[in-house]
Amino acid sequence: MLGNKVSRQKPCHHCKRSASAPSDTSMIHYEKFWLYRHCSSVQQRDRQAQKAGQLFSGLLAMNVVFLGCAFISSMIFNQVAITLADVWILLSILKVLCLCWIIYYLLGTSRQPHAVLYRDDHAGPIWVRGSVLLFGSFSILLNVFHIGYSAILIQCKSRVEIVFPSIEILFICTQAFFLWRHSKDCIQVQHNFTRCGLMLTIATNLLLWLLAVTNDTIHTEIESQLREVEQRFAGNETTSCTCPNTTACKVFQKGYILVYPFNTEYCLVCCSVLYVMWKNVGRRISHHHLPHIKPKFKLQGVVFGPLLGATAVIIGICVFMMYQIQATGSAPSRQVFVMYYSYYIVLLPLMSVSAVIGTIIHALEKKELDTLKNPTRSLDVILLMGAALGQIGMSYFSIVAIVATDPRDLLNSLILSYSVLLIFQNITQNVFIIDGLHRQPFIAATEARHTGHAGQHVVAAELPGGEEATTSSKEEHRQISPGKEEETKEENHDAYNQRRVSMLELGQEIRKASLSYLHSYSHLSWKRRALREISFFLVLCNIILWVMPTFGAHPVFENGLEKSFYGYSTWFAIVNFGLPLSVFYRMHSVGGLLEVYVTA
């Protein structure tokens, strides 16, 4: 009777005809939601329940983010009613909730029968998970420095400043392990609870990033301590909390400032990985979505790209070290700013021209576009476009400030050129990366076969008698091995002959490898060769452009032009918002360019 009633039930207005269910439905846990319980189609009810689950978990994250933003904004504008300790307490509660959910996922959800039937090969590549571990390690070190600094000044600091970093260390360790192990999961059970847990963790990381961007208390304390030293020399005593003149306190201060940017990077990378996991909840990957040939990173077919990129990296490190020596010793001189911006003005046009040439080569290729559903690629495109807004926005603020003051000055004209070139470089590089990510990977089966046969012919032609020497050495070894039962002199002579033969074989293998590399480089088509050269060159350039602002070179704040035009507080907020995004953009561009290199 119940089955007849269900069969006579009319489908709701959300229900449509769908494809037939998979053959093995016993392992599939279809989603259910109370709004769509009357849908007659199981697949359509599953699809609508998935959308409803994403909607409600997104609303949860939105409310948590708005609540945290209200706390942080109140702390900034009204430090009496809402203090930094209050914000830390709120974030500690959120982190404890996230820890409880992550532990439940590790010990409960992921171990249920048929919980993880599919894994997304595109999600959580090794460079992303490596970034999580790298930035997580630096974030742990940052909190250790924070605990040490607060412990030295415990007489004038709140105990919350020790408890909060301790919870942060536990949160970072647990989250890093969770993302390393389960970033590729397409979970098929407890869909809504998993989505809510992932969104809560994303919201917590976003609030931690926002707090790291807006809160710079230790930097402010160091500046105030410098002012207090000057006042003491002038005879005005102060009673505020100052760092004692000890090595430990100075190490904690300098270490905190040095690794501070890595915390913002860690939060953003974790948000991107968690978002892909959220999109993959309940996702069922069909067989035609599975890649048959997974391209791997091989340093073949590139010569000029690594050479030019290595030159840019070496020159950039020299410029960075000279700037840092000047900046740490005293106020940077005008010549140092001219040198710094001149390096960028030379490098940025080369990167822009390379990206434009790569885009033109993409247009000339006959490769089909990859139109399959790929949440990781969609997120990469969004992050590239969104992170580029930080640097582009700062550049436009600089352009307005320079044009309104004195654009004919040498340093101002360099900053103006730097800002314009930076905008153009970001746009051209984004177009090149996004176009490359949407291309299907090169199927190298036939070419590899052809290359293998040709390489064997080349090696055989270049090394006559090579194989004969190898086989003869093996035969000698077989003939000598029974002679081990003879006299000791013959054994020593045989061992010497074996070492000599192994050295000859090693030399032949090295020669074979070099010849096969040169042949593979010459055998690649000029389009693939150019794309690989351009991609590798841009990878190295983005690495040095990531290193320089990450480890302390901030001339955009120290040159004084924009700071005097907009005011200290306004420009400080602009730089604190745009600079972490620009650093994240460079790091994320490296991953995108490596994908383009591998698939070229």
Foldseek 3Di string as FASTA:
>chain_A
DVVVVLVPQDADPQDDDDDDDDPPCPLFDADADPVRPSGSDSVSRSVVNLVVLLVVLLVLLVVLLVVLVVLVVCCVPPVVVRNPLNSLVSLLVLLVVLLVVLVCCVVPQVPDRSFFPDFAPLADDPLLLVLLVVLLVLLLVLLVLQLLLCVQLVVADDPSSNVSSVSVNVSSVSLSVSCVVPLGGLTRPPLSSLLNSLSSLLSSLVSQLVCLLPDDPLVVLVVVLVVQVVVVVVVDHDDDGDDDPDPSNVCSSVSNVQSSLSSNLSSVSSSLSSVQNSVSHNDDDDPVNDDPDDFDDDPFQADVLVVLLVVLLVVLVVLLVVQVVQVVVDAHDPVSLLVNLVSLLVPLVVLLVLLVVLLVLLVVDPFDFAPDDDSSLVSLLVLLVVLLCLLLVLLVLLLVLLVVPPCPDPSNVSSNSSSVSSNSSSVSLSSSLNSLVRTFFDDCPVVVVVLVVVLVVVLCVVDPCPVVLVVVLVVVCVVCVVVVVDDPVSVVVVVVVNVVSVVVVVVSVVVSVVSSSVSRNVSDDPSLSSLLSSLSNLLSNLVSVLVSVSRPNDCSLSVCRSCVVVHPVVVSSSCSVSVSSNSSSSSSSNVSSSSSNRRD
